Amino acid sequence: MAGSSTSVSVADAQKHSETCKLVPSEFDLDVSLPSPYSKSYDFELVISDKTHYKRFLYASFALAFLVLSLALVLHFLPHKNHHHRHSNNLTLAVNRALTFFDAQKSGSYPSNSPISFRGSSGLQDGNSSNIHVDLVGGFYDSGNNIKFTFPTAYTITLLSWSVIEYHPKYADIGELEHIKDIIKWGSDYLLKVSVPASAKSDSTVGSASNDTKNPVRNDINCWQRPEDMSYKRPVSVCNETASDLAGEIVAALSAASIVFKQDNGYSQGLVQTAEMIYEATEKADRNHRAVTYTTINACGGEAREFYDSSGYKDELVWGATWLFFATGNHTYLDYATTNFAAAADNETVEDRGVFYWNNKITANAVLFARLRFFRDLGFPYEKTLELSSNMTDQLMCSYLSDKYFNTTPGDNPRKMSYMVGFGDRYPTRVHHRSASVPWDGQYHSCDEGNRWLNSQDQNPNILLGAVVAGPDHFDDFSDERDKPWFTEPSIASNAALVAALIAHHDPPRRSSASNSPTPGLDLMGIFEKVQFKS
């Protein structure tokens, strides 16, 4: 299983790379009205055949997203066995990976769910806590019964982005409505956690404390199905200064609004809430009050052990970028491009080149690079867009090289799949409450649950599509329920896998009426609201 330890800084990207310049930056695609401003360029370029050049450019950006997706695969899965390489196996893998989200749903459980061992749960979330609001819904984060807003928002952003780019592929394999249902389940919950009156949001539902001296039943020390929960589920409340959380919620609602653009009322409601949150948190940033949410005890204290954010600048830029795509309002692009370099400079060394719940710089660079090549807006954005293009070039080269990754010694020596229900051999003792406690119509207490936590038996319920944490750096893996560092899945990891799998899926067969050079990839849909600045 490959780790991600690339090191591509702003300074690196600013250096002109003669050895890895993948795409020239001046172009003419005839896809919109010409910009009244000067275009960004690196060198003179004479195009003798626009048809071939367009195909080259389309293919280059398809490759960029594909390589970013490859990085997600390398980060979360070992290499697949040879007998799982065909597209029909990828179709099954996408379906399985999406089905995991059905198993993670909290709230009033849908009767048409493909999961037979889940029911309604958390129906008092919000009302039985220190505040009184409706927080029913959302997703349980992993093998516990806690709902974390930060990774939920990241999950919805990433799944939405994959639909915006690859909705033809999802439709071709019959999964488009499935993933849109999952996204809406999450975006509905994010609307609930965002309190318009004061721009507050709720970061956590459930308790993560584990005090052995004064044990209180909670989501960590109680091994119990969510349907049987009866202990208190406190809510962590954040204000506008929790800027990383706010920025990720803005990104999620904005990206989801593009997915649901045909439902104008719902889409506009998502945008309006995103704008409300953005306005409050951008003001906090301007007044130097912005912080990471886990530094505020009342806000992210419970989440610190699980999702301890290392910074907030990348999420603010990320949120502003997606809000720009959702609205076309250049105010948001102004903020994103003005602050991108500073956000990249704040990137930790270990996070450089990695796109995951804690770091959005790499993905934002790809978005800006796409904007530069397909809707180059010229002044005053050219400096940041050029920087992003150079960063994307460097990142693509690093992903294609064997110099930047720490890898395990062998190529999946255990010859197993780390996705439950996919392949002939996969984990059977997943660290997951719903999967390990029998669905037998009986109430099971916390004490009874410990029996299944410590049991060596296989889980009675198959958690289809769950991607477990997987092997360590030495290819060692232990399929034991009480070792979550090997066997626990999470919604953030599964979201990354879904995006990677759909990117690698064979495109739909091109019909004779189709003129698209990249079937299966919607290159221009994300720019629908983008206009040149007047």
Protein backbone atom coordinates (compact mmCIF):
# COMPACT_ATOMS: atom_id res chain seq x y z
CA MET A 1 0.00 0.00 0.00
CA ALA A 2 1.57 3.25 -1.10
CA GLY A 3 1.94 6.22 1.16
CA SER A 4 1.84 9.82 -0.06
CA SER A 5 4.93 11.82 0.72
CA THR A 6 5.42 14.10 -2.27
CA SER A 7 7.07 17.43 -1.64
CA VAL A 8 5.91 20.11 -4.07
CA SER A 9 6.03 23.59 -2.57
CA VAL A 10 5.04 26.96 -3.99
CA ALA A 11 8.70 27.72 -4.54
CA ASP A 12 9.15 24.48 -6.47
CA ALA A 13 6.13 25.24 -8.64
CA GLN A 14 7.35 28.73 -9.45
CA LYS A 15 10.51 27.33 -11.03
CA HIS A 16 10.09 26.73 -14.75
CA SER A 17 10.28 22.97 -15.31
CA GLU A 18 11.91 22.03 -18.60
CA THR A 19 11.83 18.32 -17.76
CA CYS A 20 8.16 18.07 -16.93
CA LYS A 21 6.08 20.66 -18.75
CA LEU A 22 2.98 18.69 -19.61
CA VAL A 23 0.65 21.27 -21.11
CA PRO A 24 1.47 24.69 -22.62
CA SER A 25 -0.51 27.46 -21.02
CA GLU A 26 -1.55 29.64 -23.98
CA PHE A 27 -4.42 28.29 -26.05
CA ASP A 28 -7.52 29.02 -28.06
CA LEU A 29 -10.41 26.62 -27.61
CA ASP A 30 -13.22 28.68 -29.17
CA VAL A 31 -15.40 27.64 -26.21
CA SER A 32 -16.60 31.08 -25.14
CA LEU A 33 -16.42 34.79 -25.90
CA PRO A 34 -12.84 36.03 -25.90
CA SER A 35 -11.61 37.63 -22.71
CA PRO A 36 -11.14 41.42 -22.87
CA TYR A 37 -8.05 40.98 -20.72
CA SER A 38 -4.63 39.63 -21.51
CA LYS A 39 -4.31 35.88 -21.24
CA SER A 40 -1.82 34.07 -19.05
CA TYR A 41 1.09 32.60 -20.98
CA ASP A 42 4.54 31.12 -20.49
CA PHE A 43 5.90 31.12 -24.04
CA GLU A 44 4.87 31.69 -27.63
CA LEU A 45 2.93 28.85 -29.20
CA VAL A 46 1.85 28.38 -32.77
CA ILE A 47 -1.10 26.03 -33.25
CA SER A 48 -1.25 24.57 -36.72
CA ASP A 49 -4.13 22.15 -36.13
CA LYS A 50 -6.76 23.23 -33.58
CA THR A 51 -8.66 19.96 -33.78
CA HIS A 52 -5.68 17.89 -32.69
CA TYR A 53 -4.67 20.49 -30.16
CA LYS A 54 -8.09 20.47 -28.52
CA ARG A 55 -7.96 16.69 -28.27
CA PHE A 56 -4.52 16.95 -26.71
CA LEU A 57 -5.72 19.51 -24.19
CA TYR A 58 -8.83 17.53 -23.27
CA ALA A 59 -6.77 14.40 -22.85
CA SER A 60 -4.24 16.26 -20.70
CA PHE A 61 -6.86 17.38 -18.22
CA ALA A 62 -8.53 14.01 -18.22
CA LEU A 63 -5.08 12.68 -17.31
CA ALA A 64 -4.72 15.29 -14.55
CA PHE A 65 -7.93 14.17 -12.85
CA LEU A 66 -7.08 10.54 -13.49
CA VAL A 67 -3.66 10.92 -11.88
CA LEU A 68 -5.17 12.71 -8.88
CA SER A 69 -7.59 9.81 -8.62
CA LEU A 70 -4.69 7.37 -8.89
CA ALA A 71 -3.11 9.07 -5.90
CA LEU A 72 -6.33 8.45 -3.96
CA VAL A 73 -6.25 4.78 -4.93
CA LEU A 74 -2.62 4.48 -3.87
CA HIS A 75 -3.43 6.18 -0.57
CA PHE A 76 -6.35 3.96 0.35
CA LEU A 77 -5.96 0.61 -1.40
CA PRO A 78 -3.24 -1.88 -2.26
CA HIS A 79 -2.86 -2.95 -5.85
CA LYS A 80 -5.80 -4.93 -7.16
CA ASN A 81 -5.49 -8.55 -8.11
CA HIS A 82 -5.17 -9.25 -11.81
CA HIS A 83 -8.63 -10.81 -12.05
CA HIS A 84 -10.27 -7.54 -10.93
CA ARG A 85 -9.02 -5.33 -13.72
CA HIS A 86 -11.98 -5.42 -16.07
CA SER A 87 -14.52 -2.63 -16.25
CA ASN A 88 -17.34 -4.86 -15.06
CA ASN A 89 -15.41 -5.42 -11.85
CA LEU A 90 -14.99 -1.66 -11.49
CA THR A 91 -18.76 -1.30 -11.91
CA LEU A 92 -19.27 -3.74 -9.04
CA ALA A 93 -16.63 -1.95 -6.98
CA VAL A 94 -18.33 1.43 -7.47
CA ASN A 95 -21.68 -0.05 -6.44
CA ARG A 96 -20.16 -1.69 -3.37
CA ALA A 97 -18.28 1.46 -2.34
CA LEU A 98 -21.49 3.51 -2.58
CA THR A 99 -23.48 0.90 -0.68
CA PHE A 100 -21.23 1.49 2.34
CA PHE A 101 -22.77 4.95 2.67
CA ASP A 102 -26.23 3.37 2.86
CA ALA A 103 -25.00 1.40 5.87
CA GLN A 104 -23.72 4.60 7.52
CA LYS A 105 -26.98 6.55 7.34
CA SER A 106 -28.35 7.95 10.58
CA GLY A 107 -31.93 9.13 11.10
CA SER A 108 -35.18 7.81 9.69
CA TYR A 109 -33.87 4.86 7.71
CA PRO A 110 -35.20 4.49 4.15
CA SER A 111 -37.27 1.39 3.48
CA ASN A 112 -35.69 0.87 0.05
CA SER A 113 -32.15 0.64 1.37
CA PRO A 114 -30.05 -2.28 0.07
CA ILE A 115 -28.81 -2.82 3.64
CA SER A 116 -30.94 -5.30 5.57
CA PHE A 117 -29.26 -4.95 8.99
CA ARG A 118 -29.94 -1.27 9.59
CA GLY A 119 -32.96 0.67 10.85
CA SER A 120 -33.87 4.11 12.13
CA SER A 121 -31.52 5.56 14.74
CA GLY A 122 -30.47 8.83 16.32
CA LEU A 123 -34.01 10.17 16.09
CA GLN A 124 -33.45 12.41 19.13
CA ASP A 125 -30.15 13.85 17.94
CA GLY A 126 -30.09 17.50 18.89
CA ASN A 127 -33.17 17.45 21.12
CA SER A 128 -31.66 15.35 23.89
CA SER A 129 -28.41 17.30 24.07
CA ASN A 130 -27.19 20.57 25.51
CA ILE A 131 -28.98 22.40 22.71
CA HIS A 132 -32.37 21.80 21.17
CA VAL A 133 -32.28 21.61 17.39
CA ASP A 134 -33.15 18.99 14.81
CA LEU A 135 -29.92 17.14 13.99
CA VAL A 136 -31.54 13.94 12.81
CA GLY A 137 -29.82 12.48 9.76
CA GLY A 138 -26.31 12.53 8.38
CA PHE A 139 -23.79 9.70 8.46
CA TYR A 140 -22.03 7.81 11.21
CA ASP A 141 -18.38 8.46 10.57
CA SER A 142 -16.85 5.02 10.80
CA GLY A 143 -17.21 1.98 13.05
CA ASN A 144 -18.49 4.15 15.90
CA ASN A 145 -21.81 5.98 16.23
CA ILE A 146 -20.42 9.54 16.13
CA LYS A 147 -21.36 12.06 13.45
CA PHE A 148 -18.45 14.38 12.61
CA THR A 149 -19.39 17.36 10.46
CA PHE A 150 -15.88 18.09 9.13
CA PRO A 151 -15.28 14.75 7.36
CA THR A 152 -18.95 14.62 6.36
CA ALA A 153 -18.59 17.94 4.55
CA TYR A 154 -15.36 16.77 2.88
CA THR A 155 -17.13 13.58 1.81
CA ILE A 156 -20.01 15.50 0.22
CA THR A 157 -17.62 17.88 -1.55
CA LEU A 158 -15.62 15.03 -3.04
CA LEU A 159 -18.62 12.92 -4.07
CA SER A 160 -20.24 16.00 -5.63
CA TRP A 161 -17.08 16.84 -7.57
CA SER A 162 -16.99 13.29 -8.93
CA VAL A 163 -20.59 13.64 -10.15
CA ILE A 164 -19.93 17.05 -11.73
CA GLU A 165 -17.01 15.58 -13.67
CA TYR A 166 -18.20 12.02 -14.30
CA HIS A 167 -22.00 12.02 -14.28
CA PRO A 168 -22.05 10.37 -17.74
CA LYS A 169 -20.10 7.42 -16.33
CA TYR A 170 -22.35 7.14 -13.26
CA ALA A 171 -25.40 7.21 -15.52
CA ASP A 172 -23.88 4.60 -17.84
CA ILE A 173 -23.46 2.09 -15.01
CA GLY A 174 -26.80 2.90 -13.36
CA GLU A 175 -25.36 4.56 -10.25
CA LEU A 176 -26.14 8.25 -10.85
CA GLU A 177 -29.35 8.35 -8.81
CA HIS A 178 -27.69 6.24 -6.12
CA ILE A 179 -24.83 8.65 -5.56
CA LYS A 180 -27.11 11.69 -5.80
CA ASP A 181 -29.26 10.18 -3.05
CA ILE A 182 -26.15 9.79 -0.88
CA ILE A 183 -25.04 13.37 -1.57
CA LYS A 184 -28.48 14.73 -0.73
CA TRP A 185 -28.59 12.74 2.50
CA GLY A 186 -25.39 14.52 3.46
CA SER A 187 -26.28 17.99 2.17
CA ASP A 188 -29.65 17.87 3.95
CA TYR A 189 -27.77 17.22 7.18
CA LEU A 190 -25.26 20.01 6.52
CA LEU A 191 -28.18 22.41 6.11
CA LYS A 192 -29.40 21.34 9.53
CA VAL A 193 -26.06 21.81 11.28
CA SER A 194 -25.75 25.35 9.89
CA VAL A 195 -27.70 27.77 12.10
CA PRO A 196 -28.52 30.89 10.03
CA ALA A 197 -29.29 33.22 12.94
CA SER A 198 -25.71 33.34 14.19
CA ALA A 199 -23.69 31.55 11.50
CA LYS A 200 -23.02 28.76 13.97
CA SER A 201 -22.55 25.13 13.09
CA ASP A 202 -22.46 21.85 14.94
CA SER A 203 -19.23 19.91 14.54
CA THR A 204 -20.00 16.68 16.39
CA VAL A 205 -23.02 14.67 17.49
CA GLY A 206 -22.10 11.97 19.98
CA SER A 207 -19.42 11.70 22.62
CA ALA A 208 -15.83 10.64 22.08
CA SER A 209 -14.65 10.85 25.68
CA ASN A 210 -13.37 7.68 27.30
CA ASP A 211 -12.86 8.35 31.00
CA THR A 212 -11.97 5.02 32.62
CA LYS A 213 -12.19 6.45 36.15
CA ASN A 214 -15.69 7.82 35.68
CA PRO A 215 -17.10 5.74 32.87
CA VAL A 216 -20.17 7.14 31.15
CA ARG A 217 -21.86 5.27 28.36
CA ASN A 218 -20.98 6.93 25.06
CA ASP A 219 -20.17 6.23 21.45
CA ILE A 220 -16.65 5.02 22.18
CA ASN A 221 -16.86 2.79 25.24
CA CYS A 222 -20.26 1.32 24.32
CA TRP A 223 -20.21 -1.36 21.61
CA GLN A 224 -23.82 -1.12 20.51
CA ARG A 225 -25.86 -0.84 17.33
CA PRO A 226 -27.02 2.74 16.69
CA GLU A 227 -30.63 1.50 16.73
CA ASP A 228 -30.17 0.52 20.40
CA MET A 229 -28.53 3.74 21.63
CA SER A 230 -30.06 5.20 24.77
CA TYR A 231 -27.16 7.16 26.25
CA LYS A 232 -26.79 10.93 25.96
CA ARG A 233 -25.40 12.28 22.70
CA PRO A 234 -23.97 15.76 23.31
CA VAL A 235 -23.52 18.27 20.50
CA SER A 236 -20.43 20.41 19.97
CA VAL A 237 -21.32 23.93 18.81
CA CYS A 238 -18.99 26.18 16.80
CA ASN A 239 -19.17 29.80 15.71
CA GLU A 240 -17.84 31.58 12.65
CA THR A 241 -14.25 31.55 13.94
CA ALA A 242 -14.03 27.78 13.29
CA SER A 243 -12.92 28.62 9.79
CA ASP A 244 -11.74 25.24 8.53
CA LEU A 245 -15.08 23.67 9.42
CA ALA A 246 -16.99 26.59 7.91
CA GLY A 247 -14.92 26.53 4.72
CA GLU A 248 -15.49 22.82 4.18
CA ILE A 249 -19.24 23.19 4.72
CA VAL A 250 -19.26 26.05 2.19
CA ALA A 251 -17.43 23.84 -0.31
CA ALA A 252 -19.81 20.93 0.23
CA LEU A 253 -23.01 22.96 -0.12
CA SER A 254 -21.65 24.80 -3.15
CA ALA A 255 -20.51 21.65 -4.96
CA ALA A 256 -23.80 19.90 -4.14
CA SER A 257 -25.72 22.88 -5.54
CA ILE A 258 -24.11 22.19 -8.93
CA VAL A 259 -25.08 18.52 -8.73
CA PHE A 260 -28.70 19.49 -8.06
CA LYS A 261 -28.84 22.48 -10.42
CA GLN A 262 -31.91 21.08 -12.15
CA ASP A 263 -33.79 21.37 -8.83
CA ASN A 264 -33.54 25.14 -8.73
CA GLY A 265 -35.23 25.64 -5.36
CA TYR A 266 -33.05 23.14 -3.54
CA SER A 267 -29.90 24.25 -5.34
CA GLN A 268 -30.48 27.89 -4.45
CA GLY A 269 -31.14 26.97 -0.82
CA LEU A 270 -27.74 25.27 -0.69
CA VAL A 271 -26.05 28.31 -2.24
CA GLN A 272 -27.77 30.79 0.09
CA THR A 273 -26.68 28.87 3.16
CA ALA A 274 -23.15 28.57 1.80
CA GLU A 275 -23.01 32.32 1.18
CA MET A 276 -24.29 33.05 4.68
CA ILE A 277 -21.60 30.88 6.26
CA TYR A 278 -18.90 32.27 3.97
CA GLU A 279 -19.75 35.88 4.75
CA ALA A 280 -19.50 35.26 8.51
CA THR A 281 -16.27 33.25 8.43
CA GLU A 282 -14.55 35.54 5.88
CA LYS A 283 -15.27 38.46 8.21
CA ALA A 284 -13.74 36.52 11.10
CA ASP A 285 -10.66 35.88 8.96
CA ARG A 286 -10.44 39.56 8.00
CA ASN A 287 -10.59 40.48 11.68
CA HIS A 288 -7.87 37.93 12.55
CA ARG A 289 -10.24 35.78 14.59
CA ALA A 290 -10.15 32.69 12.39
CA VAL A 291 -8.84 29.45 13.95
CA THR A 292 -9.06 25.71 13.41
CA TYR A 293 -12.15 24.20 14.94
CA THR A 294 -10.31 21.66 17.08
CA THR A 295 -8.59 24.46 19.02
CA ILE A 296 -11.98 25.52 20.40
CA ASN A 297 -12.86 23.10 23.19
CA ALA A 298 -16.61 23.70 23.00
CA CYS A 299 -16.49 23.24 19.24
CA GLY A 300 -13.99 20.58 18.27
CA GLY A 301 -12.80 19.14 21.56
CA GLU A 302 -14.48 15.80 20.94
CA ALA A 303 -13.19 15.65 17.36
CA ARG A 304 -9.56 16.43 18.15
CA GLU A 305 -8.61 12.80 18.65
CA PHE A 306 -10.03 11.82 15.27
CA TYR A 307 -9.91 14.81 12.90
CA ASP A 308 -7.40 17.32 14.27
CA SER A 309 -7.19 19.89 11.51
CA SER A 310 -3.72 21.37 10.92
CA GLY A 311 -4.89 24.67 9.41
CA TYR A 312 -7.84 26.62 8.05
CA LYS A 313 -6.51 28.66 5.11
CA ASP A 314 -6.84 25.80 2.63
CA GLU A 315 -10.49 25.21 3.57
CA LEU A 316 -11.35 28.91 3.23
CA VAL A 317 -9.78 28.99 -0.24
CA TRP A 318 -11.44 25.66 -1.09
CA GLY A 319 -14.85 26.92 0.02
CA ALA A 320 -14.49 30.23 -1.85
CA THR A 321 -13.43 28.38 -5.01
CA TRP A 322 -16.45 26.11 -5.00
CA LEU A 323 -18.75 29.02 -4.16
CA PHE A 324 -17.37 30.84 -7.20
CA PHE A 325 -18.17 27.87 -9.43
CA ALA A 326 -21.65 27.65 -7.91
CA THR A 327 -22.49 31.35 -8.35
CA GLY A 328 -20.09 32.92 -10.82
CA ASN A 329 -19.54 35.73 -8.30
CA HIS A 330 -15.97 36.98 -8.74
CA THR A 331 -15.83 38.17 -5.14
CA TYR A 332 -15.27 34.57 -4.12
CA LEU A 333 -12.62 33.97 -6.78
CA ASP A 334 -10.88 37.18 -5.67
CA TYR A 335 -10.57 35.79 -2.15
CA ALA A 336 -9.51 32.33 -3.31
CA THR A 337 -6.79 33.51 -5.69
CA THR A 338 -5.51 36.20 -3.33
CA ASN A 339 -5.08 33.71 -0.48
CA PHE A 340 -4.06 30.57 -2.36
CA ALA A 341 -0.29 31.10 -2.17
CA ALA A 342 -0.45 31.79 1.57
CA ALA A 343 -2.57 28.68 2.09
CA ALA A 344 -0.05 26.61 0.12
CA ASP A 345 2.81 28.01 2.19
CA ASN A 346 1.02 26.84 5.33
CA GLU A 347 0.84 23.27 4.01
CA THR A 348 2.68 20.84 6.24
CA VAL A 349 5.60 18.92 4.78
CA GLU A 350 3.93 15.56 5.25
CA ASP A 351 0.77 16.79 3.49
CA ARG A 352 2.38 18.17 0.35
CA GLY A 353 0.93 16.55 -2.73
CA VAL A 354 -1.78 14.76 -0.71
CA PHE A 355 -5.50 15.42 -1.14
CA TYR A 356 -7.57 14.24 1.82
CA TRP A 357 -9.84 15.57 4.56
CA ASN A 358 -7.06 17.68 6.10
CA ASN A 359 -5.50 19.19 2.97
CA LYS A 360 -7.19 20.76 -0.07
CA ILE A 361 -4.24 22.56 -1.70
CA THR A 362 -3.54 19.86 -4.30
CA ALA A 363 -7.17 19.63 -5.40
CA ASN A 364 -7.55 23.41 -5.46
CA ALA A 365 -4.52 23.68 -7.73
CA VAL A 366 -6.17 21.25 -10.14
CA LEU A 367 -9.39 23.31 -10.13
CA PHE A 368 -7.48 26.53 -10.80
CA ALA A 369 -5.44 24.88 -13.55
CA ARG A 370 -8.66 23.75 -15.21
CA LEU A 371 -10.06 27.26 -14.90
CA ARG A 372 -6.94 28.66 -16.52
CA PHE A 373 -7.06 26.37 -19.54
CA PHE A 374 -10.80 26.36 -20.17
CA ARG A 375 -11.99 29.75 -18.90
CA ASP A 376 -8.83 31.82 -18.59
CA LEU A 377 -10.07 35.01 -16.98
CA GLY A 378 -6.83 36.95 -17.35
CA PHE A 379 -6.18 39.90 -15.06
CA PRO A 380 -6.09 39.90 -12.02
CA TYR A 381 -6.00 36.12 -11.67
CA GLU A 382 -3.19 35.10 -13.98
CA LYS A 383 -0.46 34.91 -11.33
CA THR A 384 -2.34 32.46 -9.11
CA LEU A 385 -3.67 30.44 -12.02
CA GLU A 386 -0.17 30.15 -13.47
CA LEU A 387 1.15 29.06 -10.07
CA SER A 388 -1.59 26.44 -9.88
CA SER A 389 -0.80 25.17 -13.37
CA ASN A 390 2.86 24.79 -12.46
CA MET A 391 1.94 23.01 -9.22
CA THR A 392 -0.33 20.66 -11.15
CA ASP A 393 2.45 19.93 -13.64
CA GLN A 394 4.83 19.12 -10.81
CA LEU A 395 2.26 17.00 -9.00
CA MET A 396 1.44 14.97 -12.07
CA CYS A 397 5.12 14.31 -12.62
CA SER A 398 5.60 13.30 -9.00
CA TYR A 399 2.67 10.90 -9.16
CA LEU A 400 4.13 9.30 -12.27
CA SER A 401 7.56 8.93 -10.70
CA ASP A 402 8.79 6.34 -8.22
CA LYS A 403 10.96 8.88 -6.40
CA TYR A 404 8.29 10.53 -4.26
CA PHE A 405 6.34 7.69 -2.68
CA ASN A 406 7.00 5.39 0.22
CA THR A 407 5.69 1.99 -0.74
CA THR A 408 5.29 -1.33 0.97
CA PRO A 409 7.79 -4.12 0.06
CA GLY A 410 5.39 -6.37 -1.93
CA ASP A 411 2.45 -6.14 -4.44
CA ASN A 412 -0.41 -7.23 -2.15
CA PRO A 413 1.36 -10.36 -0.85
CA ARG A 414 -1.79 -11.48 0.98
CA LYS A 415 -3.66 -11.50 -2.33
CA MET A 416 -6.75 -10.04 -0.74
CA SER A 417 -9.15 -7.19 -1.32
CA TYR A 418 -9.46 -4.57 1.40
CA MET A 419 -12.99 -3.75 0.29
CA VAL A 420 -15.58 -5.88 2.08
CA GLY A 421 -17.63 -7.97 -0.32
CA PHE A 422 -15.34 -7.46 -3.31
CA GLY A 423 -13.17 -10.31 -4.49
CA ASP A 424 -12.75 -13.82 -3.14
CA ARG A 425 -10.92 -12.81 0.01
CA TYR A 426 -11.62 -9.72 2.11
CA PRO A 427 -11.79 -8.69 5.81
CA THR A 428 -14.55 -10.42 7.76
CA ARG A 429 -14.06 -8.93 11.24
CA VAL A 430 -14.48 -5.26 10.42
CA HIS A 431 -14.32 -2.84 13.35
CA HIS A 432 -17.95 -1.73 13.04
CA ARG A 433 -20.80 -1.88 15.52
CA SER A 434 -23.69 -2.47 13.11
CA ALA A 435 -21.81 -5.14 11.20
CA SER A 436 -20.67 -7.09 14.26
CA VAL A 437 -23.83 -7.14 16.41
CA PRO A 438 -26.52 -9.56 15.14
CA TRP A 439 -29.62 -8.08 13.55
CA ASP A 440 -32.02 -10.38 15.35
CA GLY A 441 -34.83 -8.11 16.49
CA GLN A 442 -33.50 -8.11 20.06
CA TYR A 443 -32.19 -5.19 22.10
CA HIS A 444 -28.50 -5.56 22.95
CA SER A 445 -26.95 -3.55 25.76
CA CYS A 446 -23.44 -2.11 25.84
CA ASP A 447 -22.26 -4.99 28.01
CA GLU A 448 -23.70 -7.52 25.60
CA GLY A 449 -21.98 -5.69 22.76
CA ASN A 450 -18.57 -6.29 24.29
CA ARG A 451 -19.08 -9.97 23.64
CA TRP A 452 -19.11 -9.33 19.89
CA LEU A 453 -16.33 -6.76 20.04
CA ASN A 454 -14.01 -9.35 21.54
CA SER A 455 -15.32 -12.32 19.59
CA GLN A 456 -13.12 -14.12 17.07
CA ASP A 457 -16.16 -15.00 14.96
CA GLN A 458 -16.75 -13.34 11.61
CA ASN A 459 -19.18 -10.43 11.54
CA PRO A 460 -22.75 -11.69 11.19
CA ASN A 461 -23.54 -8.80 8.82
CA ILE A 462 -21.50 -8.13 5.68
CA LEU A 463 -20.66 -4.43 5.45
CA LEU A 464 -20.59 -4.29 1.65
CA GLY A 465 -18.19 -1.80 0.14
CA ALA A 466 -16.44 -0.79 3.35
CA VAL A 467 -12.77 -0.05 2.70
CA VAL A 468 -10.82 -0.87 5.85
CA ALA A 469 -7.71 0.97 7.00
CA GLY A 470 -5.63 -1.79 5.44
CA PRO A 471 -2.06 -3.05 5.86
CA ASP A 472 0.78 -1.18 7.54
CA HIS A 473 4.02 -0.03 5.92
CA PHE A 474 5.37 -3.58 6.04
CA ASP A 475 2.34 -5.20 4.37
CA ASP A 476 1.24 -6.66 7.70
CA PHE A 477 -2.50 -6.89 8.24
CA SER A 478 -4.56 -8.37 11.03
CA ASP A 479 -8.24 -9.10 10.42
CA GLU A 480 -9.25 -8.48 14.04
CA ARG A 481 -12.21 -6.45 15.19
CA ASP A 482 -10.43 -4.91 18.15
CA LYS A 483 -7.64 -3.49 15.97
CA PRO A 484 -9.27 -0.52 14.22
CA TRP A 485 -5.96 0.66 12.78
CA PHE A 486 -6.31 -2.35 10.45
CA THR A 487 -10.04 -3.01 10.14
CA GLU A 488 -12.01 0.22 10.60
CA PRO A 489 -13.60 1.93 7.57
CA SER A 490 -14.64 5.60 7.28
CA ILE A 491 -16.83 7.68 5.00
CA ALA A 492 -13.92 9.96 4.01
CA SER A 493 -11.83 7.02 2.78
CA ASN A 494 -14.74 5.53 0.88
CA ALA A 495 -15.50 8.87 -0.79
CA ALA A 496 -11.95 9.05 -2.08
CA LEU A 497 -12.18 5.51 -3.40
CA VAL A 498 -15.48 6.19 -5.17
CA ALA A 499 -13.94 9.18 -6.96
CA ALA A 500 -10.89 7.16 -7.96
CA LEU A 501 -12.89 4.16 -9.18
CA ILE A 502 -15.28 6.17 -11.35
CA ALA A 503 -12.33 8.06 -12.86
CA HIS A 504 -10.70 4.75 -13.84
CA HIS A 505 -13.92 3.27 -15.17
CA ASP A 506 -14.14 2.79 -18.92
CA PRO A 507 -16.12 5.63 -20.50
CA PRO A 508 -19.50 4.93 -22.10
CA ARG A 509 -19.30 3.83 -25.70
CA ARG A 510 -19.24 6.91 -27.88
CA SER A 511 -22.37 7.21 -29.96
CA SER A 512 -22.19 8.33 -33.57
CA ALA A 513 -23.88 11.60 -32.55
CA SER A 514 -21.32 12.42 -29.89
CA ASN A 515 -18.49 14.80 -30.73
CA SER A 516 -16.92 14.77 -27.29
CA PRO A 517 -13.20 13.94 -27.38
CA THR A 518 -13.44 12.64 -23.81
CA PRO A 519 -16.57 10.47 -23.46
CA GLY A 520 -17.62 10.03 -19.87
CA LEU A 521 -15.98 13.26 -18.68
CA ASP A 522 -17.94 16.52 -18.49
CA LEU A 523 -15.16 19.05 -19.01
CA MET A 524 -17.25 22.22 -19.13
CA GLY A 525 -20.20 21.69 -16.79
CA ILE A 526 -18.32 23.08 -13.79
CA PHE A 527 -17.90 26.41 -15.64
CA GLU A 528 -21.57 26.96 -16.41
CA LYS A 529 -21.83 30.04 -14.15
CA VAL A 530 -18.37 31.41 -14.95
CA GLN A 531 -18.29 34.67 -16.90
CA PHE A 532 -15.52 37.14 -17.68
CA LYS A 533 -15.16 39.90 -15.13
CA SER A 534 -16.69 43.17 -16.29
